[in-house]
Amino acid sequence: MVAGVPGPDGRARVRSIGRLLEDRTPHGVTELVAGLDSLLVRYDPLRTTAESITDLLGLLDEGVVEEAEQRGAPGRVFTIPVVFDAGAGPDLEPVAAELGQTVDRLVDDIGGTTFEVVLLAAGMAPMMEGGHFARPVRRATQPRTNVPPGSIMIAGQNAIIQPFPGPTGWRVVGRTPHVVVDIARADAAAILPGDRVRFVPVSRDEAVRLEGTFLEPDAATDAEGAAR
């Protein structure tokens, strides 16, 4: 069954309900898949019923809304260092030209935006929305076959971070030295849906110093998340 969660805060509620169900999977539920504003619940009809699951989701949603009103803005904030140059971002100049602006202006636009993570794509890549580009950025006409991990990529008004080497049709504009997904860790994905991201330009020397370190949230928001 697919449970839709309407309203401007639907995405946040889907994430919260999904996390609650994952922490304590109800009897008979076999799989959970969270979308942007809906939750797919697969269940064994010999062990539970659609009515039981619907009632449970309603109760969880009421609790999530009440908790959100008490807590305020959800999610952690990540300030992510990024090298913006032709080597790390081979599409930086072409995208700037496409938008009719300088590279410096494009970097300022990216760095001046707070993106919100809306979902984890393939390989737990954090996909985020909130860009304010002059117009939507077109995808590449010729996809790249092997983009390095940490690549910062944009398309439309969205951004995504490549966690592992692989192909992409997104436009590569920079690279962070941090690791954003480490499958050896229990908390493999550093960034989760609901978190907010800011990209900050750094030099290559600074990037070398940070190379390979696991990305951590800003201290203040991490403490708030732990308290909750």
N, C-alpha and C. Protein backbone atom coordinates (compact mmCIF):
# COMPACT_ATOMS: atom_id res chain seq x y z
N MET A 1 0.84 -1.19 0.00
CA MET A 1 0.00 0.00 0.00
C MET A 1 0.88 1.25 0.00
N VAL A 2 0.36 2.33 -0.60
CA VAL A 2 1.08 3.60 -0.64
C VAL A 2 0.30 4.62 0.18
N ALA A 3 0.97 5.18 1.17
CA ALA A 3 0.34 6.19 2.03
C ALA A 3 0.86 7.56 1.64
N GLY A 4 -0.04 8.43 1.18
CA GLY A 4 0.34 9.79 0.85
C GLY A 4 0.25 10.69 2.07
N VAL A 5 1.14 11.68 2.13
CA VAL A 5 1.14 12.62 3.25
C VAL A 5 1.05 14.02 2.67
N PRO A 6 -0.16 14.58 2.56
CA PRO A 6 -0.32 15.90 1.94
C PRO A 6 0.13 17.02 2.86
N GLY A 7 0.21 18.22 2.27
CA GLY A 7 0.56 19.39 3.06
C GLY A 7 1.96 19.86 2.80
N PRO A 8 2.26 21.13 3.11
CA PRO A 8 3.59 21.69 2.86
C PRO A 8 4.70 21.00 3.64
N ASP A 9 4.35 20.35 4.76
CA ASP A 9 5.36 19.66 5.55
C ASP A 9 5.31 18.16 5.31
N GLY A 10 4.69 17.74 4.19
CA GLY A 10 4.51 16.32 3.92
C GLY A 10 5.81 15.55 3.85
N ARG A 11 6.83 16.14 3.22
CA ARG A 11 8.10 15.43 3.08
C ARG A 11 8.73 15.14 4.43
N ALA A 12 8.74 16.13 5.30
CA ALA A 12 9.33 15.94 6.63
C ALA A 12 8.56 14.89 7.41
N ARG A 13 7.24 14.88 7.26
CA ARG A 13 6.43 13.91 7.99
C ARG A 13 6.67 12.50 7.47
N VAL A 14 6.82 12.35 6.15
CA VAL A 14 7.14 11.04 5.58
C VAL A 14 8.44 10.51 6.15
N ARG A 15 9.46 11.39 6.20
CA ARG A 15 10.76 10.95 6.73
C ARG A 15 10.64 10.52 8.18
N SER A 16 9.92 11.29 8.97
CA SER A 16 9.79 10.98 10.40
C SER A 16 9.03 9.68 10.62
N ILE A 17 7.93 9.50 9.89
CA ILE A 17 7.16 8.27 10.03
C ILE A 17 7.98 7.07 9.58
N GLY A 18 8.70 7.23 8.47
CA GLY A 18 9.55 6.14 7.99
C GLY A 18 10.60 5.73 9.00
N ARG A 19 11.22 6.74 9.65
CA ARG A 19 12.25 6.41 10.65
C ARG A 19 11.63 5.68 11.84
N LEU A 20 10.45 6.11 12.27
CA LEU A 20 9.79 5.45 13.39
C LEU A 20 9.48 3.99 13.06
N LEU A 21 9.01 3.74 11.86
CA LEU A 21 8.68 2.38 11.46
C LEU A 21 9.93 1.52 11.29
N GLU A 22 11.02 2.11 10.82
CA GLU A 22 12.26 1.36 10.68
C GLU A 22 12.85 0.99 12.04
N ASP A 23 12.71 1.89 13.01
CA ASP A 23 13.24 1.61 14.35
C ASP A 23 12.50 0.46 15.02
N ARG A 24 11.21 0.36 14.75
CA ARG A 24 10.42 -0.72 15.36
C ARG A 24 9.40 -1.18 14.32
N THR A 25 9.83 -2.10 13.45
CA THR A 25 8.98 -2.55 12.34
C THR A 25 7.74 -3.27 12.86
N PRO A 26 6.56 -2.82 12.46
CA PRO A 26 5.32 -3.46 12.93
C PRO A 26 5.21 -4.90 12.44
N HIS A 27 4.48 -5.69 13.16
CA HIS A 27 4.23 -7.09 12.81
C HIS A 27 3.59 -7.16 11.42
N GLY A 28 4.17 -7.97 10.55
CA GLY A 28 3.62 -8.18 9.22
C GLY A 28 4.16 -7.27 8.14
N VAL A 29 4.83 -6.18 8.51
CA VAL A 29 5.40 -5.27 7.52
C VAL A 29 6.72 -5.84 7.02
N THR A 30 6.88 -5.93 5.70
CA THR A 30 8.07 -6.56 5.12
C THR A 30 9.04 -5.57 4.48
N GLU A 31 8.55 -4.39 4.08
CA GLU A 31 9.44 -3.42 3.42
C GLU A 31 8.85 -2.03 3.51
N LEU A 32 9.73 -1.04 3.65
CA LEU A 32 9.34 0.37 3.68
C LEU A 32 10.17 1.13 2.67
N VAL A 33 9.53 1.92 1.83
CA VAL A 33 10.24 2.75 0.86
C VAL A 33 9.65 4.15 0.92
N ALA A 34 10.45 5.12 1.37
CA ALA A 34 9.97 6.50 1.48
C ALA A 34 10.21 7.25 0.18
N GLY A 35 9.16 7.90 -0.34
CA GLY A 35 9.28 8.78 -1.49
C GLY A 35 9.37 10.22 -1.01
N LEU A 36 9.14 11.17 -1.92
CA LEU A 36 9.20 12.57 -1.52
C LEU A 36 8.06 12.93 -0.58
N ASP A 37 6.85 12.51 -0.92
CA ASP A 37 5.71 12.84 -0.06
C ASP A 37 4.76 11.65 0.10
N SER A 38 5.31 10.45 0.00
CA SER A 38 4.51 9.24 0.19
C SER A 38 5.40 8.14 0.75
N LEU A 39 4.75 7.13 1.32
CA LEU A 39 5.47 6.03 1.94
C LEU A 39 4.88 4.72 1.42
N LEU A 40 5.72 3.90 0.77
CA LEU A 40 5.29 2.58 0.31
C LEU A 40 5.51 1.58 1.43
N VAL A 41 4.43 0.90 1.81
CA VAL A 41 4.50 -0.10 2.88
C VAL A 41 4.10 -1.45 2.29
N ARG A 42 5.04 -2.37 2.23
CA ARG A 42 4.73 -3.73 1.79
C ARG A 42 4.47 -4.58 3.04
N TYR A 43 3.44 -5.40 2.96
CA TYR A 43 3.09 -6.20 4.14
C TYR A 43 2.58 -7.58 3.74
N ASP A 44 2.63 -8.50 4.68
CA ASP A 44 2.14 -9.86 4.49
C ASP A 44 0.67 -9.90 4.94
N PRO A 45 -0.28 -10.08 4.01
CA PRO A 45 -1.70 -10.05 4.38
C PRO A 45 -2.12 -11.21 5.27
N LEU A 46 -1.25 -12.21 5.41
CA LEU A 46 -1.57 -13.31 6.32
C LEU A 46 -1.21 -12.97 7.76
N ARG A 47 -0.45 -11.88 7.93
CA ARG A 47 0.01 -11.52 9.28
C ARG A 47 -0.57 -10.20 9.78
N THR A 48 -1.05 -9.36 8.86
CA THR A 48 -1.64 -8.09 9.27
C THR A 48 -2.62 -7.64 8.19
N THR A 49 -3.28 -6.51 8.40
CA THR A 49 -4.26 -6.01 7.44
C THR A 49 -3.95 -4.57 7.05
N ALA A 50 -4.51 -4.16 5.91
CA ALA A 50 -4.33 -2.78 5.47
C ALA A 50 -4.94 -1.81 6.47
N GLU A 51 -6.06 -2.20 7.06
CA GLU A 51 -6.72 -1.34 8.04
C GLU A 51 -5.83 -1.10 9.26
N SER A 52 -5.17 -2.15 9.72
CA SER A 52 -4.28 -2.01 10.89
C SER A 52 -3.12 -1.07 10.59
N ILE A 53 -2.55 -1.21 9.39
CA ILE A 53 -1.42 -0.36 9.01
C ILE A 53 -1.88 1.09 8.85
N THR A 54 -3.04 1.28 8.22
CA THR A 54 -3.58 2.63 8.05
C THR A 54 -3.81 3.31 9.39
N ASP A 55 -4.39 2.58 10.33
CA ASP A 55 -4.63 3.14 11.67
C ASP A 55 -3.31 3.52 12.33
N LEU A 56 -2.30 2.64 12.20
CA LEU A 56 -0.99 2.91 12.81
C LEU A 56 -0.36 4.15 12.19
N LEU A 57 -0.41 4.26 10.86
CA LEU A 57 0.18 5.42 10.19
C LEU A 57 -0.50 6.71 10.63
N GLY A 58 -1.83 6.66 10.81
CA GLY A 58 -2.54 7.85 11.28
C GLY A 58 -2.10 8.28 12.66
N LEU A 59 -1.92 7.31 13.55
CA LEU A 59 -1.47 7.63 14.91
C LEU A 59 -0.05 8.19 14.89
N LEU A 60 0.82 7.58 14.08
CA LEU A 60 2.21 8.06 13.99
C LEU A 60 2.25 9.47 13.42
N ASP A 61 1.43 9.74 12.41
CA ASP A 61 1.42 11.07 11.80
C ASP A 61 0.97 12.13 12.79
N GLU A 62 -0.03 11.82 13.60
CA GLU A 62 -0.48 12.77 14.62
C GLU A 62 0.65 13.08 15.60
N GLY A 63 1.38 12.04 15.99
CA GLY A 63 2.49 12.24 16.92
C GLY A 63 3.62 13.02 16.31
N VAL A 64 3.90 12.76 15.01
CA VAL A 64 4.98 13.47 14.31
C VAL A 64 4.66 14.95 14.20
N VAL A 65 3.42 15.29 13.85
CA VAL A 65 3.03 16.69 13.71
C VAL A 65 3.16 17.41 15.05
N GLU A 66 2.68 16.78 16.11
CA GLU A 66 2.76 17.40 17.44
C GLU A 66 4.21 17.61 17.86
N GLU A 67 5.06 16.60 17.60
CA GLU A 67 6.47 16.72 17.98
C GLU A 67 7.15 17.82 17.18
N ALA A 68 6.84 17.91 15.87
CA ALA A 68 7.46 18.93 15.02
C ALA A 68 7.09 20.33 15.48
N GLU A 69 5.84 20.52 15.90
CA GLU A 69 5.41 21.83 16.39
C GLU A 69 6.18 22.23 17.64
N GLN A 70 6.49 21.25 18.48
CA GLN A 70 7.23 21.54 19.71
C GLN A 70 8.71 21.76 19.44
N ARG A 71 9.24 21.04 18.45
CA ARG A 71 10.68 21.04 18.21
C ARG A 71 11.15 22.20 17.36
N GLY A 72 10.32 22.62 16.39
CA GLY A 72 10.75 23.67 15.47
C GLY A 72 11.42 23.07 14.24
N ALA A 73 12.31 23.83 13.62
CA ALA A 73 12.93 23.41 12.36
C ALA A 73 13.72 22.12 12.53
N PRO A 74 13.47 21.11 11.66
CA PRO A 74 14.16 19.83 11.77
C PRO A 74 15.50 19.85 11.04
N GLY A 75 16.24 18.77 11.20
CA GLY A 75 17.43 18.56 10.41
C GLY A 75 18.67 19.24 10.95
N ARG A 76 19.80 18.70 10.53
CA ARG A 76 21.10 19.26 10.89
C ARG A 76 21.61 20.13 9.75
N VAL A 77 22.63 20.90 10.03
CA VAL A 77 23.26 21.75 9.01
C VAL A 77 24.67 21.25 8.77
N PHE A 78 25.03 21.12 7.50
CA PHE A 78 26.38 20.73 7.11
C PHE A 78 27.01 21.86 6.30
N THR A 79 28.17 22.33 6.74
CA THR A 79 28.95 23.28 5.97
C THR A 79 30.04 22.48 5.27
N ILE A 80 29.95 22.38 3.95
CA ILE A 80 30.80 21.46 3.20
C ILE A 80 31.84 22.22 2.39
N PRO A 81 33.12 21.98 2.66
CA PRO A 81 34.18 22.64 1.88
C PRO A 81 34.23 22.06 0.47
N VAL A 82 34.38 22.93 -0.51
CA VAL A 82 34.38 22.51 -1.91
C VAL A 82 35.47 23.25 -2.68
N VAL A 83 36.19 22.50 -3.50
CA VAL A 83 37.12 23.11 -4.45
C VAL A 83 36.34 23.40 -5.73
N PHE A 84 36.26 24.66 -6.09
CA PHE A 84 35.60 25.08 -7.33
C PHE A 84 36.67 25.53 -8.31
N ASP A 85 37.07 24.67 -9.22
CA ASP A 85 37.96 25.07 -10.31
C ASP A 85 37.75 24.10 -11.47
N ALA A 86 38.45 24.34 -12.57
CA ALA A 86 38.23 23.54 -13.77
C ALA A 86 38.61 22.08 -13.57
N GLY A 87 39.59 21.82 -12.69
CA GLY A 87 39.99 20.44 -12.45
C GLY A 87 38.96 19.66 -11.66
N ALA A 88 38.46 20.28 -10.59
CA ALA A 88 37.46 19.61 -9.75
C ALA A 88 36.06 19.72 -10.34
N GLY A 89 35.82 20.80 -11.09
CA GLY A 89 34.50 21.03 -11.68
C GLY A 89 34.59 21.31 -13.16
N PRO A 90 34.73 20.27 -13.97
CA PRO A 90 34.91 20.48 -15.41
C PRO A 90 33.72 21.17 -16.10
N ASP A 91 32.55 21.16 -15.45
CA ASP A 91 31.38 21.82 -16.05
C ASP A 91 31.17 23.22 -15.49
N LEU A 92 32.06 23.69 -14.64
CA LEU A 92 31.86 24.98 -13.99
C LEU A 92 31.78 26.11 -15.02
N GLU A 93 32.75 26.19 -15.90
CA GLU A 93 32.75 27.26 -16.91
C GLU A 93 31.60 27.11 -17.90
N PRO A 94 31.35 25.90 -18.44
CA PRO A 94 30.22 25.77 -19.37
C PRO A 94 28.87 26.13 -18.75
N VAL A 95 28.65 25.77 -17.49
CA VAL A 95 27.38 26.10 -16.84
C VAL A 95 27.27 27.61 -16.63
N ALA A 96 28.38 28.24 -16.21
CA ALA A 96 28.36 29.70 -16.03
C ALA A 96 28.03 30.39 -17.35
N ALA A 97 28.63 29.91 -18.44
CA ALA A 97 28.35 30.50 -19.76
C ALA A 97 26.89 30.28 -20.15
N GLU A 98 26.37 29.09 -19.85
CA GLU A 98 24.97 28.78 -20.15
C GLU A 98 24.02 29.73 -19.42
N LEU A 99 24.40 30.09 -18.19
CA LEU A 99 23.56 30.97 -17.38
C LEU A 99 23.84 32.45 -17.65
N GLY A 100 24.84 32.72 -18.50
CA GLY A 100 25.15 34.10 -18.84
C GLY A 100 25.82 34.87 -17.71
N GLN A 101 26.66 34.19 -16.94
CA GLN A 101 27.34 34.85 -15.83
C GLN A 101 28.78 34.36 -15.73
N THR A 102 29.55 35.00 -14.87
CA THR A 102 30.93 34.59 -14.67
C THR A 102 30.99 33.38 -13.75
N VAL A 103 32.15 32.72 -13.77
CA VAL A 103 32.36 31.58 -12.87
C VAL A 103 32.27 32.03 -11.42
N ASP A 104 32.86 33.19 -11.11
CA ASP A 104 32.82 33.69 -9.73
C ASP A 104 31.38 33.91 -9.27
N ARG A 105 30.54 34.42 -10.16
CA ARG A 105 29.14 34.66 -9.80
C ARG A 105 28.42 33.33 -9.56
N LEU A 106 28.69 32.33 -10.38
CA LEU A 106 28.07 31.02 -10.20
C LEU A 106 28.50 30.40 -8.87
N VAL A 107 29.78 30.51 -8.55
CA VAL A 107 30.27 29.98 -7.27
C VAL A 107 29.60 30.72 -6.11
N ASP A 108 29.45 32.03 -6.25
CA ASP A 108 28.77 32.80 -5.21
C ASP A 108 27.32 32.34 -5.05
N ASP A 109 26.65 32.07 -6.18
CA ASP A 109 25.26 31.61 -6.12
C ASP A 109 25.15 30.26 -5.41
N ILE A 110 26.07 29.36 -5.72
CA ILE A 110 26.05 28.04 -5.07
C ILE A 110 26.36 28.18 -3.59
N GLY A 111 27.41 28.96 -3.29
CA GLY A 111 27.82 29.13 -1.89
C GLY A 111 26.84 29.92 -1.06
N GLY A 112 26.02 30.74 -1.71
CA GLY A 112 25.07 31.56 -0.96
C GLY A 112 23.72 30.89 -0.77
N THR A 113 23.62 29.64 -1.15
CA THR A 113 22.36 28.90 -1.06
C THR A 113 22.40 27.88 0.06
N THR A 114 21.32 27.77 0.80
CA THR A 114 21.16 26.67 1.75
C THR A 114 20.25 25.64 1.09
N PHE A 115 20.82 24.51 0.74
CA PHE A 115 20.07 23.43 0.10
C PHE A 115 19.47 22.52 1.16
N GLU A 116 18.31 21.95 0.85
CA GLU A 116 17.70 20.97 1.75
C GLU A 116 17.72 19.60 1.10
N VAL A 117 18.19 18.60 1.83
CA VAL A 117 18.26 17.23 1.31
C VAL A 117 16.85 16.64 1.31
N VAL A 118 16.40 16.19 0.13
CA VAL A 118 15.03 15.67 0.02
C VAL A 118 14.99 14.15 -0.06
N LEU A 119 16.08 13.53 -0.50
CA LEU A 119 16.12 12.07 -0.55
C LEU A 119 17.55 11.60 -0.76
N LEU A 120 17.76 10.30 -0.50
CA LEU A 120 19.03 9.66 -0.82
C LEU A 120 18.83 8.88 -2.11
N ALA A 121 19.59 9.22 -3.13
CA ALA A 121 19.49 8.57 -4.42
C ALA A 121 20.38 7.32 -4.44
N ALA A 122 20.71 6.84 -5.63
CA ALA A 122 21.52 5.64 -5.76
C ALA A 122 22.84 5.80 -5.01
N GLY A 123 23.24 4.75 -4.29
CA GLY A 123 24.48 4.81 -3.53
C GLY A 123 24.41 5.73 -2.33
N MET A 124 23.19 6.05 -1.88
CA MET A 124 22.97 6.96 -0.75
C MET A 124 23.46 8.37 -1.04
N ALA A 125 23.46 8.74 -2.32
CA ALA A 125 23.85 10.10 -2.71
C ALA A 125 22.80 11.09 -2.25
N PRO A 126 23.19 12.10 -1.46
CA PRO A 126 22.22 13.09 -0.99
C PRO A 126 21.79 14.03 -2.11
N MET A 127 20.51 13.97 -2.46
CA MET A 127 19.98 14.88 -3.47
C MET A 127 19.23 15.99 -2.77
N MET A 128 19.47 17.21 -3.19
CA MET A 128 18.92 18.36 -2.48
C MET A 128 18.29 19.37 -3.43
N GLU A 129 17.39 20.17 -2.89
CA GLU A 129 16.73 21.20 -3.68
C GLU A 129 16.96 22.56 -3.02
N GLY A 130 16.60 23.62 -3.75
CA GLY A 130 16.71 24.95 -3.16
C GLY A 130 17.61 25.89 -3.92
N GLY A 131 18.11 25.46 -5.10
CA GLY A 131 18.97 26.33 -5.89
C GLY A 131 18.24 27.58 -6.36
N HIS A 132 19.00 28.65 -6.57
CA HIS A 132 18.43 29.91 -7.05
C HIS A 132 19.19 30.38 -8.29
N PHE A 133 19.42 29.45 -9.21
CA PHE A 133 20.13 29.81 -10.43
C PHE A 133 19.23 30.65 -11.33
N ALA A 134 19.87 31.42 -12.22
CA ALA A 134 19.11 32.32 -13.09
C ALA A 134 18.04 31.58 -13.88
N ARG A 135 18.32 30.35 -14.23
CA ARG A 135 17.32 29.46 -14.84
C ARG A 135 17.78 28.03 -14.58
N PRO A 136 16.89 27.06 -14.74
CA PRO A 136 17.27 25.68 -14.46
C PRO A 136 18.48 25.24 -15.29
N VAL A 137 19.41 24.58 -14.63
CA VAL A 137 20.63 24.11 -15.30
C VAL A 137 20.32 22.83 -16.07
N ARG A 138 20.67 22.81 -17.34
CA ARG A 138 20.40 21.63 -18.17
C ARG A 138 21.37 20.50 -17.83
N ARG A 139 20.89 19.28 -17.97
CA ARG A 139 21.77 18.13 -17.80
C ARG A 139 22.75 18.06 -18.97
N ALA A 140 23.81 17.28 -18.77
CA ALA A 140 24.84 17.15 -19.80
C ALA A 140 24.29 16.45 -21.04
N THR A 141 24.66 16.93 -22.22
CA THR A 141 24.24 16.26 -23.45
C THR A 141 25.01 14.96 -23.63
N GLN A 142 26.22 14.91 -23.08
CA GLN A 142 27.04 13.70 -23.13
C GLN A 142 27.41 13.32 -21.70
N PRO A 143 26.74 12.32 -21.11
CA PRO A 143 27.03 11.95 -19.71
C PRO A 143 28.49 11.56 -19.51
N ARG A 144 28.99 11.85 -18.34
CA ARG A 144 30.35 11.45 -17.97
C ARG A 144 30.31 10.01 -17.47
N THR A 145 31.33 9.24 -17.80
CA THR A 145 31.32 7.81 -17.47
C THR A 145 31.94 7.49 -16.12
N ASN A 146 32.78 8.38 -15.60
CA ASN A 146 33.46 8.06 -14.33
C ASN A 146 33.76 9.34 -13.56
N VAL A 147 32.82 9.73 -12.72
CA VAL A 147 32.97 10.93 -11.90
C VAL A 147 33.53 10.53 -10.53
N PRO A 148 34.55 11.23 -10.02
CA PRO A 148 35.15 10.84 -8.74
C PRO A 148 34.22 11.09 -7.56
N PRO A 149 34.40 10.33 -6.48
CA PRO A 149 33.58 10.55 -5.28
C PRO A 149 33.82 11.95 -4.71
N GLY A 150 32.77 12.52 -4.15
CA GLY A 150 32.87 13.86 -3.60
C GLY A 150 32.51 14.94 -4.59
N SER A 151 32.23 14.55 -5.84
CA SER A 151 31.89 15.55 -6.85
C SER A 151 30.58 16.24 -6.49
N ILE A 152 30.57 17.57 -6.61
CA ILE A 152 29.37 18.37 -6.39
C ILE A 152 28.76 18.63 -7.76
N MET A 153 27.49 18.24 -7.92
CA MET A 153 26.87 18.30 -9.23
C MET A 153 25.52 19.02 -9.14
N ILE A 154 25.16 19.71 -10.22
CA ILE A 154 23.90 20.43 -10.24
C ILE A 154 23.13 20.11 -11.52
N ALA A 155 21.81 20.23 -11.42
CA ALA A 155 20.91 20.10 -12.57
C ALA A 155 19.57 20.69 -12.15
N GLY A 156 18.91 21.39 -13.06
CA GLY A 156 17.69 22.08 -12.68
C GLY A 156 18.01 23.12 -11.62
N GLN A 157 17.29 23.07 -10.51
CA GLN A 157 17.60 23.90 -9.34
C GLN A 157 18.06 23.01 -8.19
N ASN A 158 18.59 21.85 -8.53
CA ASN A 158 18.97 20.85 -7.53
C ASN A 158 20.47 20.61 -7.52
N ALA A 159 20.93 19.99 -6.44
CA ALA A 159 22.33 19.61 -6.30
C ALA A 159 22.40 18.20 -5.74
N ILE A 160 23.52 17.53 -5.97
CA ILE A 160 23.72 16.18 -5.46
C ILE A 160 25.22 15.98 -5.26
N ILE A 161 25.59 15.12 -4.34
CA ILE A 161 27.00 14.79 -4.10
C ILE A 161 27.22 13.34 -4.49
N GLN A 162 28.21 13.10 -5.32
CA GLN A 162 28.53 11.75 -5.77
C GLN A 162 29.32 11.03 -4.68
N PRO A 163 28.78 9.95 -4.08
CA PRO A 163 29.50 9.29 -2.98
C PRO A 163 30.55 8.29 -3.44
N PHE A 164 30.35 7.71 -4.64
CA PHE A 164 31.26 6.69 -5.16
C PHE A 164 31.59 7.01 -6.62
N PRO A 165 32.70 6.48 -7.14
CA PRO A 165 32.99 6.70 -8.56
C PRO A 165 31.86 6.13 -9.42
N GLY A 166 31.53 6.83 -10.50
CA GLY A 166 30.47 6.32 -11.36
C GLY A 166 30.03 7.34 -12.39
N PRO A 167 29.11 6.93 -13.27
CA PRO A 167 28.65 7.81 -14.34
C PRO A 167 27.61 8.81 -13.85
N THR A 168 27.42 9.87 -14.61
CA THR A 168 26.38 10.86 -14.26
C THR A 168 26.05 11.72 -15.47
N GLY A 169 24.82 12.20 -15.48
CA GLY A 169 24.41 13.18 -16.48
C GLY A 169 24.27 14.56 -15.87
N TRP A 170 24.53 14.66 -14.54
CA TRP A 170 24.51 15.95 -13.86
C TRP A 170 25.77 16.74 -14.24
N ARG A 171 25.74 18.04 -14.01
CA ARG A 171 26.87 18.91 -14.34
C ARG A 171 27.80 19.01 -13.14
N VAL A 172 29.05 18.66 -13.33
CA VAL A 172 30.03 18.61 -12.25
C VAL A 172 30.69 19.98 -12.10
N VAL A 173 30.48 20.62 -10.93
CA VAL A 173 30.97 21.99 -10.75
C VAL A 173 32.03 22.11 -9.66
N GLY A 174 32.31 21.06 -8.92
CA GLY A 174 33.30 21.13 -7.84
C GLY A 174 33.46 19.78 -7.18
N ARG A 175 34.26 19.77 -6.12
CA ARG A 175 34.46 18.51 -5.39
C ARG A 175 34.79 18.81 -3.93
N THR A 176 34.19 18.02 -3.03
CA THR A 176 34.53 18.11 -1.61
C THR A 176 35.52 17.00 -1.26
N PRO A 177 36.48 17.28 -0.39
CA PRO A 177 37.43 16.23 0.02
C PRO A 177 36.84 15.26 1.02
N HIS A 178 35.69 15.60 1.60
CA HIS A 178 35.09 14.75 2.63
C HIS A 178 34.45 13.50 2.04
N VAL A 179 34.40 12.46 2.84
CA VAL A 179 33.65 11.24 2.51
C VAL A 179 32.22 11.44 2.99
N VAL A 180 31.24 11.24 2.11
CA VAL A 180 29.84 11.43 2.52
C VAL A 180 29.11 10.11 2.75
N VAL A 181 29.68 9.01 2.27
CA VAL A 181 29.12 7.68 2.53
C VAL A 181 30.27 6.72 2.79
N ASP A 182 30.19 6.02 3.93
CA ASP A 182 31.21 5.03 4.30
C ASP A 182 30.47 3.77 4.74
N ILE A 183 30.45 2.75 3.88
CA ILE A 183 29.67 1.55 4.18
C ILE A 183 30.27 0.73 5.32
N ALA A 184 31.47 1.08 5.77
CA ALA A 184 32.06 0.38 6.91
C ALA A 184 31.50 0.90 8.24
N ARG A 185 30.80 2.02 8.20
CA ARG A 185 30.23 2.61 9.40
C ARG A 185 28.79 2.16 9.59
N ALA A 186 28.36 2.12 10.85
CA ALA A 186 26.96 1.81 11.12
C ALA A 186 26.05 2.89 10.56
N ASP A 187 26.48 4.15 10.71
CA ASP A 187 25.77 5.29 10.12
C ASP A 187 26.44 5.64 8.80
N ALA A 188 26.23 4.81 7.80
CA ALA A 188 26.99 4.90 6.55
C ALA A 188 26.85 6.25 5.85
N ALA A 189 25.65 6.80 5.85
CA ALA A 189 25.41 8.07 5.16
C ALA A 189 25.58 9.24 6.13
N ALA A 190 26.48 10.15 5.79
CA ALA A 190 26.69 11.32 6.66
C ALA A 190 25.49 12.25 6.65
N ILE A 191 24.87 12.41 5.48
CA ILE A 191 23.77 13.36 5.30
C ILE A 191 22.48 12.59 5.09
N LEU A 192 21.41 13.05 5.73
CA LEU A 192 20.11 12.38 5.64
C LEU A 192 19.04 13.35 5.15
N PRO A 193 17.94 12.82 4.61
CA PRO A 193 16.83 13.70 4.23
C PRO A 193 16.39 14.58 5.39
N GLY A 194 16.15 15.84 5.09
CA GLY A 194 15.79 16.80 6.13
C GLY A 194 16.95 17.66 6.57
N ASP A 195 18.18 17.20 6.32
CA ASP A 195 19.36 18.00 6.65
C ASP A 195 19.51 19.15 5.65
N ARG A 196 20.24 20.17 6.07
CA ARG A 196 20.50 21.32 5.20
C ARG A 196 21.99 21.43 4.93
N VAL A 197 22.32 21.89 3.73
CA VAL A 197 23.71 21.88 3.26
C VAL A 197 24.10 23.25 2.72
N ARG A 198 25.29 23.69 3.12
CA ARG A 198 25.88 24.90 2.56
C ARG A 198 27.26 24.53 2.01
N PHE A 199 27.55 24.98 0.81
CA PHE A 199 28.84 24.72 0.17
C PHE A 199 29.74 25.94 0.32
N VAL A 200 30.95 25.72 0.81
CA VAL A 200 31.89 26.82 1.06
C VAL A 200 33.16 26.59 0.24
N PRO A 201 33.56 27.55 -0.60
CA PRO A 201 34.78 27.39 -1.40
C PRO A 201 36.03 27.31 -0.52
N VAL A 202 36.93 26.38 -0.86
CA VAL A 202 38.22 26.27 -0.17
C VAL A 202 39.31 26.07 -1.21
N SER A 203 40.55 26.29 -0.78
CA SER A 203 41.69 26.11 -1.66
C SER A 203 42.03 24.63 -1.80
N ARG A 204 42.83 24.30 -2.79
CA ARG A 204 43.27 22.92 -2.95
C ARG A 204 44.14 22.48 -1.77
N ASP A 205 44.93 23.38 -1.22
CA ASP A 205 45.75 23.03 -0.05
C ASP A 205 44.88 22.63 1.13
N GLU A 206 43.81 23.38 1.36
CA GLU A 206 42.89 23.05 2.45
C GLU A 206 42.19 21.73 2.18
N ALA A 207 41.86 21.49 0.92
CA ALA A 207 41.19 20.24 0.56
C ALA A 207 42.10 19.04 0.81
N VAL A 208 43.37 19.19 0.52
CA VAL A 208 44.32 18.10 0.76
C VAL A 208 44.36 17.75 2.24
N ARG A 209 44.29 18.74 3.10
CA ARG A 209 44.32 18.51 4.55
C ARG A 209 43.10 17.72 5.02
N LEU A 210 41.97 17.91 4.34
CA LEU A 210 40.72 17.27 4.76
C LEU A 210 40.42 15.99 4.00
N GLU A 211 41.24 15.66 3.03
CA GLU A 211 40.96 14.54 2.13
C GLU A 211 40.69 13.24 2.90
N GLY A 212 39.57 12.60 2.57
CA GLY A 212 39.26 11.28 3.12
C GLY A 212 38.61 11.28 4.48
N THR A 213 38.38 12.45 5.08
CA THR A 213 37.74 12.49 6.40
C THR A 213 36.23 12.43 6.24
N PHE A 214 35.57 11.76 7.19
CA PHE A 214 34.12 11.59 7.12
C PHE A 214 33.43 12.91 7.47
N LEU A 215 32.47 13.29 6.68
CA LEU A 215 31.76 14.55 6.87
C LEU A 215 30.95 14.53 8.17
N GLU A 216 31.07 15.59 8.95
CA GLU A 216 30.32 15.73 10.20
C GLU A 216 29.44 16.98 10.13
N PRO A 217 28.31 16.98 10.83
CA PRO A 217 27.45 18.17 10.83
C PRO A 217 28.07 19.30 11.64
N ASP A 218 27.59 20.51 11.43
CA ASP A 218 28.02 21.63 12.25
C ASP A 218 27.72 21.31 13.70
N ALA A 219 28.62 21.69 14.60
CA ALA A 219 28.54 21.27 16.00
C ALA A 219 27.22 21.63 16.67
N ALA A 220 26.73 22.84 16.45
CA ALA A 220 25.51 23.29 17.14
C ALA A 220 24.31 22.44 16.75
N THR A 221 24.15 22.17 15.43
CA THR A 221 22.98 21.41 15.00
C THR A 221 23.12 19.95 15.36
N ASP A 222 24.36 19.43 15.43
CA ASP A 222 24.55 18.05 15.86
C ASP A 222 24.13 17.87 17.30
N ALA A 223 24.47 18.86 18.15
CA ALA A 223 24.08 18.80 19.56
C ALA A 223 22.57 18.86 19.71
N GLU A 224 21.92 19.70 18.88
CA GLU A 224 20.46 19.79 18.94
C GLU A 224 19.82 18.47 18.53
N GLY A 225 20.41 17.82 17.49
CA GLY A 225 19.87 16.55 17.05
C GLY A 225 20.02 15.48 18.10
N ALA A 226 21.16 15.48 18.81
CA ALA A 226 21.38 14.49 19.86
C ALA A 226 20.42 14.70 21.01
N ALA A 227 20.13 15.97 21.31
CA ALA A 227 19.21 16.27 22.41
C ALA A 227 17.80 15.79 22.10
N ARG A 228 17.43 15.82 20.79
CA ARG A 228 16.10 15.38 20.42
C ARG A 228 16.02 13.87 20.39
